Amino acid sequence: MSLENPAALEFLLARRSRPAKTLVAPAPTRDQLMPLLTAAARSPDHGKLEPWRFIVLEKGAMPRLAALTEECGEALGKSPEDIAKGRGQFDQGQLAVAVIEVQRPSEKVPAIEQTYSAGAVCLALLNAALAAGWGANWLSGWAIHDRTFCAQALGLAENERVAGLIHIATEGAAPPERPRPDLGAITQWVSE
């Protein structure tokens, strides 16, 4: 039988992402980041395919990624507002972990389950960072869905895509609580 862990449940019931734009230096060191990556890699993985990998984007990489976001946005005809928003996470970023979904050929494990596993890794990394006392936020945005950006910025192969960018650094300002789902409206009980 599993042991109860009230502290873990209490953390999950109160967890709150920190807006990426409020994260400030310092970010975790490589040694501080390794336990968080280890926790994320313990996510459910049907078939033990490891349909994900990590690319750690350190502060020194952020200006290149911001400039490439602007270049790709202009090539795609994005509005100046979309370009500014897209590059903002890199302009302001201290450290981000790109969780890369890697689709693996499998007769047993459908592609959608591999996608779900990559999403679970994103959430596990986010929660591990928050539990370790860091501020963290899971972002996406138009740039990480653009194949040109992904190939040039991250060297992704055709069977890879970004599941999410998990920004991790020091919390600069505590966010207000936000409304949560009405469980009565979204929960159905089946007894027979």
N, C-alpha and C. Protein backbone atom coordinates (compact mmCIF):
# COMPACT_ATOMS: atom_id res chain seq x y z
N MET A 1 0.84 -1.18 0.00
CA MET A 1 0.00 0.00 0.00
C MET A 1 0.88 1.24 0.00
N SER A 2 0.50 2.24 -0.77
CA SER A 2 1.25 3.48 -0.82
C SER A 2 1.11 4.25 0.47
N LEU A 3 2.16 4.95 0.83
CA LEU A 3 2.12 5.77 2.02
C LEU A 3 1.48 7.12 1.69
N GLU A 4 0.70 7.63 2.62
CA GLU A 4 0.12 8.96 2.42
C GLU A 4 1.21 10.00 2.47
N ASN A 5 1.00 11.09 1.72
CA ASN A 5 1.94 12.20 1.73
C ASN A 5 1.12 13.50 1.76
N PRO A 6 0.61 13.85 2.95
CA PRO A 6 -0.24 15.04 3.06
C PRO A 6 0.44 16.32 2.57
N ALA A 7 1.74 16.43 2.78
CA ALA A 7 2.45 17.65 2.35
C ALA A 7 2.42 17.76 0.82
N ALA A 8 2.61 16.64 0.14
CA ALA A 8 2.57 16.66 -1.33
C ALA A 8 1.17 17.03 -1.82
N LEU A 9 0.14 16.46 -1.21
CA LEU A 9 -1.23 16.78 -1.60
C LEU A 9 -1.54 18.25 -1.31
N GLU A 10 -1.10 18.74 -0.16
CA GLU A 10 -1.32 20.15 0.17
C GLU A 10 -0.64 21.05 -0.87
N PHE A 11 0.58 20.70 -1.27
CA PHE A 11 1.28 21.47 -2.31
C PHE A 11 0.48 21.49 -3.60
N LEU A 12 0.00 20.31 -4.04
CA LEU A 12 -0.74 20.23 -5.30
C LEU A 12 -2.05 21.01 -5.24
N LEU A 13 -2.70 21.01 -4.10
CA LEU A 13 -3.96 21.74 -3.95
C LEU A 13 -3.77 23.26 -3.96
N ALA A 14 -2.55 23.71 -3.66
CA ALA A 14 -2.28 25.15 -3.59
C ALA A 14 -1.33 25.64 -4.68
N ARG A 15 -0.85 24.74 -5.55
CA ARG A 15 0.16 25.13 -6.53
C ARG A 15 -0.35 26.23 -7.43
N ARG A 16 0.57 27.08 -7.87
CA ARG A 16 0.21 28.21 -8.74
C ARG A 16 1.42 28.53 -9.57
N SER A 17 1.26 28.49 -10.89
CA SER A 17 2.35 28.90 -11.78
C SER A 17 2.67 30.37 -11.53
N ARG A 18 3.90 30.73 -11.80
CA ARG A 18 4.34 32.12 -11.67
C ARG A 18 4.50 32.69 -13.08
N PRO A 19 3.88 33.82 -13.41
CA PRO A 19 4.02 34.36 -14.76
C PRO A 19 5.49 34.52 -15.15
N ALA A 20 5.83 34.06 -16.35
CA ALA A 20 7.22 34.08 -16.80
C ALA A 20 7.80 35.49 -16.76
N LYS A 21 6.98 36.50 -17.06
CA LYS A 21 7.49 37.88 -17.09
C LYS A 21 7.86 38.38 -15.70
N THR A 22 7.46 37.68 -14.64
CA THR A 22 7.82 38.09 -13.27
C THR A 22 9.03 37.33 -12.74
N LEU A 23 9.59 36.42 -13.54
CA LEU A 23 10.74 35.64 -13.07
C LEU A 23 12.02 36.43 -13.27
N VAL A 24 12.88 36.42 -12.27
CA VAL A 24 14.11 37.20 -12.29
C VAL A 24 15.29 36.30 -11.93
N ALA A 25 16.50 36.81 -12.12
CA ALA A 25 17.71 36.09 -11.74
C ALA A 25 17.76 36.01 -10.21
N PRO A 26 18.36 34.96 -9.68
CA PRO A 26 19.04 33.90 -10.41
C PRO A 26 18.09 32.79 -10.86
N ALA A 27 18.56 32.07 -11.85
CA ALA A 27 17.90 30.84 -12.29
C ALA A 27 18.66 29.66 -11.67
N PRO A 28 18.09 28.47 -11.73
CA PRO A 28 18.81 27.33 -11.17
C PRO A 28 20.12 27.08 -11.91
N THR A 29 21.11 26.64 -11.17
CA THR A 29 22.36 26.19 -11.77
C THR A 29 22.12 24.81 -12.40
N ARG A 30 23.08 24.34 -13.13
CA ARG A 30 22.94 22.99 -13.71
C ARG A 30 22.75 21.95 -12.62
N ASP A 31 23.50 22.07 -11.53
CA ASP A 31 23.36 21.10 -10.43
C ASP A 31 21.98 21.20 -9.78
N GLN A 32 21.44 22.40 -9.66
CA GLN A 32 20.11 22.57 -9.07
C GLN A 32 19.01 22.10 -10.01
N LEU A 33 19.27 22.16 -11.31
CA LEU A 33 18.26 21.76 -12.29
C LEU A 33 18.16 20.24 -12.43
N MET A 34 19.24 19.53 -12.21
CA MET A 34 19.23 18.07 -12.43
C MET A 34 18.16 17.32 -11.63
N PRO A 35 17.95 17.61 -10.35
CA PRO A 35 16.88 16.88 -9.65
C PRO A 35 15.49 17.18 -10.23
N LEU A 36 15.30 18.39 -10.75
CA LEU A 36 14.01 18.74 -11.35
C LEU A 36 13.80 17.95 -12.63
N LEU A 37 14.84 17.84 -13.45
CA LEU A 37 14.75 17.03 -14.67
C LEU A 37 14.54 15.56 -14.34
N THR A 38 15.21 15.10 -13.28
CA THR A 38 15.05 13.71 -12.84
C THR A 38 13.60 13.43 -12.43
N ALA A 39 13.02 14.37 -11.69
CA ALA A 39 11.61 14.21 -11.28
C ALA A 39 10.71 14.19 -12.50
N ALA A 40 10.95 15.08 -13.45
CA ALA A 40 10.11 15.13 -14.66
C ALA A 40 10.21 13.85 -15.47
N ALA A 41 11.39 13.25 -15.51
CA ALA A 41 11.61 12.03 -16.29
C ALA A 41 10.94 10.81 -15.66
N ARG A 42 10.38 10.96 -14.49
CA ARG A 42 9.64 9.86 -13.84
C ARG A 42 8.17 9.85 -14.23
N SER A 43 7.81 10.65 -15.22
CA SER A 43 6.42 10.73 -15.68
C SER A 43 5.97 9.43 -16.32
N PRO A 44 4.65 9.19 -16.37
CA PRO A 44 4.14 8.00 -17.04
C PRO A 44 4.64 7.91 -18.48
N ASP A 45 5.04 6.71 -18.85
CA ASP A 45 5.65 6.48 -20.16
C ASP A 45 5.29 5.07 -20.61
N HIS A 46 4.12 4.92 -21.21
CA HIS A 46 3.64 3.63 -21.68
C HIS A 46 4.64 3.04 -22.68
N GLY A 47 5.10 1.85 -22.42
CA GLY A 47 6.04 1.18 -23.31
C GLY A 47 7.49 1.56 -23.09
N LYS A 48 7.75 2.42 -22.12
CA LYS A 48 9.13 2.86 -21.82
C LYS A 48 9.83 3.37 -23.07
N LEU A 49 9.14 4.19 -23.86
CA LEU A 49 9.68 4.72 -25.10
C LEU A 49 10.51 5.98 -24.92
N GLU A 50 10.34 6.64 -23.77
CA GLU A 50 10.95 7.96 -23.56
C GLU A 50 10.66 8.85 -24.78
N PRO A 51 9.38 9.17 -25.00
CA PRO A 51 9.01 9.97 -26.17
C PRO A 51 9.19 11.47 -25.93
N TRP A 52 10.27 11.82 -25.26
CA TRP A 52 10.58 13.21 -24.95
C TRP A 52 12.05 13.30 -24.60
N ARG A 53 12.54 14.54 -24.71
CA ARG A 53 13.90 14.86 -24.27
C ARG A 53 13.92 16.32 -23.85
N PHE A 54 15.03 16.76 -23.28
CA PHE A 54 15.14 18.12 -22.76
C PHE A 54 16.19 18.92 -23.53
N ILE A 55 15.91 20.17 -23.77
CA ILE A 55 16.91 21.14 -24.24
C ILE A 55 16.86 22.30 -23.25
N VAL A 56 17.95 22.50 -22.52
CA VAL A 56 18.01 23.56 -21.53
C VAL A 56 18.50 24.83 -22.21
N LEU A 57 17.69 25.87 -22.16
CA LEU A 57 17.99 27.16 -22.78
C LEU A 57 18.47 28.10 -21.69
N GLU A 58 19.78 28.29 -21.65
CA GLU A 58 20.37 29.15 -20.63
C GLU A 58 20.32 30.61 -21.06
N LYS A 59 20.60 31.52 -20.15
CA LYS A 59 20.48 32.96 -20.38
C LYS A 59 21.22 33.40 -21.64
N GLY A 60 22.39 32.84 -21.89
CA GLY A 60 23.19 33.22 -23.05
C GLY A 60 22.54 32.90 -24.38
N ALA A 61 21.61 31.95 -24.40
CA ALA A 61 20.92 31.58 -25.65
C ALA A 61 19.72 32.47 -25.93
N MET A 62 19.24 33.19 -24.93
CA MET A 62 18.00 33.95 -25.07
C MET A 62 18.05 35.04 -26.15
N PRO A 63 19.12 35.84 -26.26
CA PRO A 63 19.13 36.87 -27.32
C PRO A 63 19.04 36.28 -28.73
N ARG A 64 19.72 35.16 -28.97
CA ARG A 64 19.65 34.51 -30.28
C ARG A 64 18.23 34.04 -30.57
N LEU A 65 17.57 33.45 -29.57
CA LEU A 65 16.20 32.96 -29.75
C LEU A 65 15.22 34.11 -29.95
N ALA A 66 15.43 35.22 -29.25
CA ALA A 66 14.56 36.39 -29.42
C ALA A 66 14.69 36.94 -30.83
N ALA A 67 15.93 37.07 -31.32
CA ALA A 67 16.16 37.59 -32.67
C ALA A 67 15.57 36.66 -33.73
N LEU A 68 15.73 35.36 -33.54
CA LEU A 68 15.19 34.39 -34.48
C LEU A 68 13.66 34.41 -34.47
N THR A 69 13.07 34.62 -33.31
CA THR A 69 11.61 34.75 -33.23
C THR A 69 11.15 35.93 -34.08
N GLU A 70 11.83 37.04 -33.96
CA GLU A 70 11.46 38.21 -34.75
C GLU A 70 11.63 37.94 -36.24
N GLU A 71 12.73 37.31 -36.62
CA GLU A 71 12.98 36.99 -38.04
C GLU A 71 11.91 36.07 -38.60
N CYS A 72 11.57 35.03 -37.87
CA CYS A 72 10.54 34.08 -38.32
C CYS A 72 9.17 34.74 -38.35
N GLY A 73 8.88 35.58 -37.36
CA GLY A 73 7.60 36.27 -37.32
C GLY A 73 7.41 37.19 -38.51
N GLU A 74 8.48 37.90 -38.88
CA GLU A 74 8.39 38.77 -40.07
C GLU A 74 8.18 37.94 -41.33
N ALA A 75 8.89 36.81 -41.44
CA ALA A 75 8.74 35.94 -42.61
C ALA A 75 7.33 35.35 -42.70
N LEU A 76 6.69 35.12 -41.56
CA LEU A 76 5.34 34.58 -41.53
C LEU A 76 4.26 35.66 -41.66
N GLY A 77 4.67 36.92 -41.67
CA GLY A 77 3.70 38.01 -41.75
C GLY A 77 2.97 38.27 -40.45
N LYS A 78 3.57 37.93 -39.33
CA LYS A 78 2.95 38.17 -38.02
C LYS A 78 2.89 39.68 -37.76
N SER A 79 1.93 40.08 -36.96
CA SER A 79 1.79 41.49 -36.59
C SER A 79 2.94 41.88 -35.65
N PRO A 80 3.27 43.17 -35.58
CA PRO A 80 4.30 43.61 -34.63
C PRO A 80 3.97 43.20 -33.19
N GLU A 81 2.68 43.19 -32.83
CA GLU A 81 2.28 42.79 -31.48
C GLU A 81 2.55 41.30 -31.24
N ASP A 82 2.24 40.46 -32.24
CA ASP A 82 2.50 39.02 -32.11
C ASP A 82 4.00 38.76 -32.03
N ILE A 83 4.76 39.48 -32.83
CA ILE A 83 6.22 39.31 -32.81
C ILE A 83 6.78 39.71 -31.45
N ALA A 84 6.33 40.85 -30.94
CA ALA A 84 6.81 41.32 -29.64
C ALA A 84 6.46 40.33 -28.53
N LYS A 85 5.24 39.80 -28.58
CA LYS A 85 4.83 38.82 -27.57
C LYS A 85 5.65 37.54 -27.71
N GLY A 86 5.87 37.11 -28.94
CA GLY A 86 6.62 35.88 -29.17
C GLY A 86 8.05 35.97 -28.70
N ARG A 87 8.69 37.10 -28.95
CA ARG A 87 10.09 37.22 -28.55
C ARG A 87 10.23 37.59 -27.08
N GLY A 88 9.14 38.09 -26.47
CA GLY A 88 9.20 38.53 -25.08
C GLY A 88 9.66 37.48 -24.11
N GLN A 89 9.22 36.22 -24.30
CA GLN A 89 9.63 35.19 -23.35
C GLN A 89 11.13 34.93 -23.41
N PHE A 90 11.75 35.21 -24.57
CA PHE A 90 13.20 35.05 -24.68
C PHE A 90 13.93 36.31 -24.24
N ASP A 91 13.37 37.49 -24.55
CA ASP A 91 13.97 38.74 -24.10
C ASP A 91 14.05 38.79 -22.58
N GLN A 92 13.01 38.28 -21.92
CA GLN A 92 12.94 38.35 -20.46
C GLN A 92 13.41 37.07 -19.78
N GLY A 93 13.62 36.00 -20.54
CA GLY A 93 13.91 34.70 -19.95
C GLY A 93 15.26 34.60 -19.27
N GLN A 94 15.27 33.92 -18.15
CA GLN A 94 16.50 33.62 -17.42
C GLN A 94 17.00 32.21 -17.75
N LEU A 95 16.07 31.27 -17.80
CA LEU A 95 16.35 29.87 -18.12
C LEU A 95 15.03 29.23 -18.49
N ALA A 96 15.04 28.40 -19.51
CA ALA A 96 13.84 27.65 -19.88
C ALA A 96 14.27 26.26 -20.31
N VAL A 97 13.44 25.30 -20.00
CA VAL A 97 13.67 23.94 -20.46
C VAL A 97 12.64 23.66 -21.55
N ALA A 98 13.13 23.41 -22.76
CA ALA A 98 12.25 22.99 -23.85
C ALA A 98 12.05 21.49 -23.70
N VAL A 99 10.80 21.10 -23.44
CA VAL A 99 10.47 19.68 -23.40
C VAL A 99 10.10 19.31 -24.83
N ILE A 100 10.90 18.42 -25.40
CA ILE A 100 10.74 18.04 -26.79
C ILE A 100 10.02 16.71 -26.88
N GLU A 101 8.87 16.71 -27.53
CA GLU A 101 8.17 15.46 -27.80
C GLU A 101 8.88 14.77 -28.95
N VAL A 102 9.20 13.50 -28.75
CA VAL A 102 9.88 12.71 -29.78
C VAL A 102 8.97 11.54 -30.13
N GLN A 103 8.33 11.61 -31.27
CA GLN A 103 7.44 10.52 -31.69
C GLN A 103 8.28 9.31 -32.09
N ARG A 104 8.05 8.19 -31.43
CA ARG A 104 8.80 6.97 -31.69
C ARG A 104 7.89 5.95 -32.38
N PRO A 105 8.41 5.25 -33.38
CA PRO A 105 7.59 4.21 -34.02
C PRO A 105 7.24 3.13 -33.00
N SER A 106 5.96 2.79 -32.93
CA SER A 106 5.53 1.75 -31.99
C SER A 106 4.19 1.19 -32.44
N GLU A 107 4.11 -0.13 -32.51
CA GLU A 107 2.83 -0.78 -32.79
C GLU A 107 1.97 -0.83 -31.53
N LYS A 108 2.60 -0.73 -30.37
CA LYS A 108 1.89 -0.87 -29.11
C LYS A 108 1.41 0.47 -28.54
N VAL A 109 2.20 1.52 -28.73
CA VAL A 109 1.89 2.81 -28.10
C VAL A 109 1.50 3.82 -29.16
N PRO A 110 0.22 4.22 -29.21
CA PRO A 110 -0.22 5.19 -30.20
C PRO A 110 0.48 6.54 -30.02
N ALA A 111 0.55 7.29 -31.10
CA ALA A 111 1.20 8.61 -31.08
C ALA A 111 0.58 9.51 -30.01
N ILE A 112 -0.73 9.46 -29.85
CA ILE A 112 -1.39 10.35 -28.90
C ILE A 112 -0.92 10.06 -27.47
N GLU A 113 -0.65 8.81 -27.14
CA GLU A 113 -0.15 8.49 -25.81
C GLU A 113 1.26 9.03 -25.61
N GLN A 114 2.04 9.08 -26.66
CA GLN A 114 3.37 9.67 -26.57
C GLN A 114 3.26 11.18 -26.35
N THR A 115 2.28 11.80 -27.00
CA THR A 115 2.03 13.22 -26.79
C THR A 115 1.61 13.48 -25.34
N TYR A 116 0.71 12.65 -24.82
CA TYR A 116 0.28 12.81 -23.44
C TYR A 116 1.46 12.67 -22.47
N SER A 117 2.35 11.73 -22.75
CA SER A 117 3.51 11.53 -21.89
C SER A 117 4.39 12.78 -21.88
N ALA A 118 4.59 13.40 -23.04
CA ALA A 118 5.38 14.63 -23.11
C ALA A 118 4.70 15.74 -22.32
N GLY A 119 3.38 15.83 -22.39
CA GLY A 119 2.65 16.81 -21.59
C GLY A 119 2.80 16.55 -20.10
N ALA A 120 2.79 15.27 -19.72
CA ALA A 120 2.98 14.92 -18.31
C ALA A 120 4.36 15.35 -17.83
N VAL A 121 5.35 15.22 -18.69
CA VAL A 121 6.71 15.65 -18.35
C VAL A 121 6.73 17.16 -18.11
N CYS A 122 6.03 17.92 -18.95
CA CYS A 122 5.97 19.38 -18.76
C CYS A 122 5.39 19.72 -17.39
N LEU A 123 4.27 19.10 -17.05
CA LEU A 123 3.63 19.39 -15.77
C LEU A 123 4.50 18.93 -14.60
N ALA A 124 5.12 17.77 -14.73
CA ALA A 124 5.99 17.28 -13.65
C ALA A 124 7.17 18.21 -13.43
N LEU A 125 7.76 18.71 -14.52
CA LEU A 125 8.88 19.64 -14.38
C LEU A 125 8.42 20.94 -13.75
N LEU A 126 7.29 21.46 -14.18
CA LEU A 126 6.73 22.67 -13.60
C LEU A 126 6.51 22.49 -12.10
N ASN A 127 5.87 21.41 -11.72
CA ASN A 127 5.60 21.17 -10.31
C ASN A 127 6.87 20.92 -9.51
N ALA A 128 7.84 20.23 -10.08
CA ALA A 128 9.11 20.01 -9.38
C ALA A 128 9.80 21.33 -9.12
N ALA A 129 9.80 22.22 -10.11
CA ALA A 129 10.43 23.53 -9.93
C ALA A 129 9.73 24.32 -8.83
N LEU A 130 8.40 24.33 -8.86
CA LEU A 130 7.65 25.05 -7.82
C LEU A 130 7.88 24.44 -6.45
N ALA A 131 7.91 23.11 -6.37
CA ALA A 131 8.13 22.43 -5.09
C ALA A 131 9.52 22.71 -4.54
N ALA A 132 10.48 22.96 -5.43
CA ALA A 132 11.84 23.26 -5.01
C ALA A 132 12.03 24.73 -4.64
N GLY A 133 10.95 25.52 -4.76
CA GLY A 133 11.02 26.91 -4.34
C GLY A 133 11.31 27.90 -5.45
N TRP A 134 11.35 27.44 -6.69
CA TRP A 134 11.56 28.33 -7.83
C TRP A 134 10.23 28.85 -8.33
N GLY A 135 10.27 29.96 -9.04
CA GLY A 135 9.12 30.38 -9.80
C GLY A 135 9.18 29.66 -11.14
N ALA A 136 8.05 29.27 -11.68
CA ALA A 136 8.07 28.53 -12.95
C ALA A 136 6.77 28.74 -13.70
N ASN A 137 6.87 28.64 -15.03
CA ASN A 137 5.71 28.81 -15.89
C ASN A 137 5.90 27.97 -17.15
N TRP A 138 4.80 27.37 -17.61
CA TRP A 138 4.79 26.56 -18.82
C TRP A 138 4.23 27.42 -19.94
N LEU A 139 5.06 27.74 -20.93
CA LEU A 139 4.63 28.58 -22.05
C LEU A 139 4.74 27.82 -23.37
N SER A 140 4.02 28.35 -24.34
CA SER A 140 4.16 27.87 -25.71
C SER A 140 4.30 29.11 -26.58
N GLY A 141 3.40 29.32 -27.50
CA GLY A 141 3.45 30.48 -28.38
C GLY A 141 3.65 30.06 -29.82
N TRP A 142 3.36 30.97 -30.73
CA TRP A 142 3.39 30.64 -32.15
C TRP A 142 4.77 30.18 -32.61
N ALA A 143 5.83 30.74 -32.08
CA ALA A 143 7.18 30.40 -32.56
C ALA A 143 7.51 28.93 -32.37
N ILE A 144 7.12 28.36 -31.23
CA ILE A 144 7.50 26.96 -31.00
C ILE A 144 6.64 25.98 -31.81
N HIS A 145 5.63 26.49 -32.50
CA HIS A 145 4.85 25.65 -33.39
C HIS A 145 5.26 25.84 -34.86
N ASP A 146 6.23 26.71 -35.09
CA ASP A 146 6.73 26.97 -36.43
C ASP A 146 7.93 26.06 -36.71
N ARG A 147 7.81 25.24 -37.75
CA ARG A 147 8.87 24.26 -38.06
C ARG A 147 10.21 24.94 -38.36
N THR A 148 10.17 26.08 -39.03
CA THR A 148 11.42 26.78 -39.35
C THR A 148 12.11 27.23 -38.07
N PHE A 149 11.34 27.85 -37.17
CA PHE A 149 11.92 28.28 -35.90
C PHE A 149 12.50 27.08 -35.15
N CYS A 150 11.72 26.01 -35.05
CA CYS A 150 12.17 24.84 -34.28
C CYS A 150 13.43 24.21 -34.86
N ALA A 151 13.51 24.15 -36.18
CA ALA A 151 14.70 23.58 -36.82
C ALA A 151 15.91 24.47 -36.59
N GLN A 152 15.75 25.78 -36.78
CA GLN A 152 16.88 26.69 -36.65
C GLN A 152 17.27 26.95 -35.19
N ALA A 153 16.27 27.11 -34.34
CA ALA A 153 16.54 27.45 -32.94
C ALA A 153 17.01 26.26 -32.13
N LEU A 154 16.39 25.10 -32.38
CA LEU A 154 16.61 23.95 -31.51
C LEU A 154 17.13 22.71 -32.23
N GLY A 155 17.23 22.77 -33.56
CA GLY A 155 17.72 21.62 -34.31
C GLY A 155 16.80 20.43 -34.27
N LEU A 156 15.48 20.65 -34.20
CA LEU A 156 14.54 19.54 -34.08
C LEU A 156 14.43 18.76 -35.39
N ALA A 157 14.29 17.46 -35.23
CA ALA A 157 14.08 16.56 -36.36
C ALA A 157 12.60 16.55 -36.72
N GLU A 158 12.27 15.92 -37.84
CA GLU A 158 10.88 15.87 -38.32
C GLU A 158 9.94 15.18 -37.35
N ASN A 159 10.44 14.23 -36.56
CA ASN A 159 9.59 13.50 -35.62
C ASN A 159 9.55 14.16 -34.25
N GLU A 160 10.00 15.41 -34.16
CA GLU A 160 10.06 16.11 -32.89
C GLU A 160 9.27 17.42 -32.96
N ARG A 161 8.74 17.81 -31.80
CA ARG A 161 8.12 19.12 -31.67
C ARG A 161 8.22 19.54 -30.20
N VAL A 162 8.03 20.82 -29.96
CA VAL A 162 8.12 21.34 -28.60
C VAL A 162 6.78 21.12 -27.90
N ALA A 163 6.81 20.39 -26.80
CA ALA A 163 5.61 20.21 -25.98
C ALA A 163 5.37 21.43 -25.10
N GLY A 164 6.45 22.08 -24.70
CA GLY A 164 6.32 23.28 -23.89
C GLY A 164 7.67 23.82 -23.50
N LEU A 165 7.69 25.10 -23.19
CA LEU A 165 8.88 25.75 -22.62
C LEU A 165 8.58 26.01 -21.15
N ILE A 166 9.36 25.41 -20.28
CA ILE A 166 9.17 25.59 -18.85
C ILE A 166 10.21 26.59 -18.38
N HIS A 167 9.75 27.81 -18.12
CA HIS A 167 10.64 28.86 -17.64
C HIS A 167 10.80 28.70 -16.13
N ILE A 168 12.05 28.75 -15.66
CA ILE A 168 12.35 28.54 -14.25
C ILE A 168 13.36 29.59 -13.80
N ALA A 169 13.03 30.32 -12.75
CA ALA A 169 13.95 31.29 -12.16
C ALA A 169 13.39 31.68 -10.78
N THR A 170 13.85 32.79 -10.28
CA THR A 170 13.41 33.27 -8.98
C THR A 170 12.10 34.05 -9.14
N GLU A 171 11.18 33.80 -8.24
CA GLU A 171 9.90 34.52 -8.28
C GLU A 171 10.13 35.97 -7.91
N GLY A 172 9.78 36.88 -8.83
CA GLY A 172 9.95 38.31 -8.58
C GLY A 172 8.74 38.94 -7.91
N ALA A 173 7.56 38.40 -8.14
CA ALA A 173 6.32 38.91 -7.56
C ALA A 173 5.33 37.77 -7.48
N ALA A 174 4.64 37.69 -6.36
CA ALA A 174 3.65 36.62 -6.19
C ALA A 174 2.39 36.97 -6.97
N PRO A 175 1.89 36.04 -7.79
CA PRO A 175 0.68 36.32 -8.54
C PRO A 175 -0.56 36.18 -7.66
N PRO A 176 -1.63 36.88 -8.01
CA PRO A 176 -2.87 36.69 -7.27
C PRO A 176 -3.48 35.33 -7.62
N GLU A 177 -4.28 34.83 -6.73
CA GLU A 177 -4.99 33.58 -7.02
C GLU A 177 -5.97 33.86 -8.15
N ARG A 178 -6.27 32.85 -8.92
CA ARG A 178 -7.21 33.02 -10.01
C ARG A 178 -8.37 32.05 -9.83
N PRO A 179 -9.48 32.30 -10.50
CA PRO A 179 -10.63 31.39 -10.36
C PRO A 179 -10.25 29.98 -10.83
N ARG A 180 -10.77 29.00 -10.16
CA ARG A 180 -10.52 27.60 -10.49
C ARG A 180 -11.81 26.96 -11.00
N PRO A 181 -11.70 25.82 -11.68
CA PRO A 181 -12.90 25.18 -12.23
C PRO A 181 -13.92 24.80 -11.17
N ASP A 182 -15.18 24.84 -11.56
CA ASP A 182 -16.28 24.38 -10.72
C ASP A 182 -16.35 22.86 -10.88
N LEU A 183 -15.89 22.13 -9.89
CA LEU A 183 -15.83 20.67 -10.00
C LEU A 183 -17.20 20.04 -10.23
N GLY A 184 -18.23 20.63 -9.67
CA GLY A 184 -19.57 20.11 -9.87
C GLY A 184 -20.00 20.18 -11.33
N ALA A 185 -19.52 21.18 -12.06
CA ALA A 185 -19.89 21.35 -13.45
C ALA A 185 -19.08 20.48 -14.40
N ILE A 186 -17.93 20.01 -13.96
CA ILE A 186 -17.04 19.24 -14.87
C ILE A 186 -16.84 17.79 -14.46
N THR A 187 -17.54 17.36 -13.41
CA THR A 187 -17.36 15.99 -12.90
C THR A 187 -18.64 15.19 -13.07
N GLN A 188 -18.49 14.02 -13.62
CA GLN A 188 -19.62 13.09 -13.77
C GLN A 188 -19.27 11.82 -13.02
N TRP A 189 -20.21 11.32 -12.25
CA TRP A 189 -20.02 10.09 -11.48
C TRP A 189 -20.81 8.97 -12.15
N VAL A 190 -20.20 7.84 -12.37
CA VAL A 190 -20.86 6.67 -12.96
C VAL A 190 -20.80 5.54 -11.94
N SER A 191 -21.95 5.08 -11.50
CA SER A 191 -22.01 4.04 -10.47
C SER A 191 -22.44 2.69 -10.99
N GLU A 192 -23.01 2.65 -12.19
CA GLU A 192 -23.47 1.36 -12.73
C GLU A 192 -23.00 1.19 -14.14
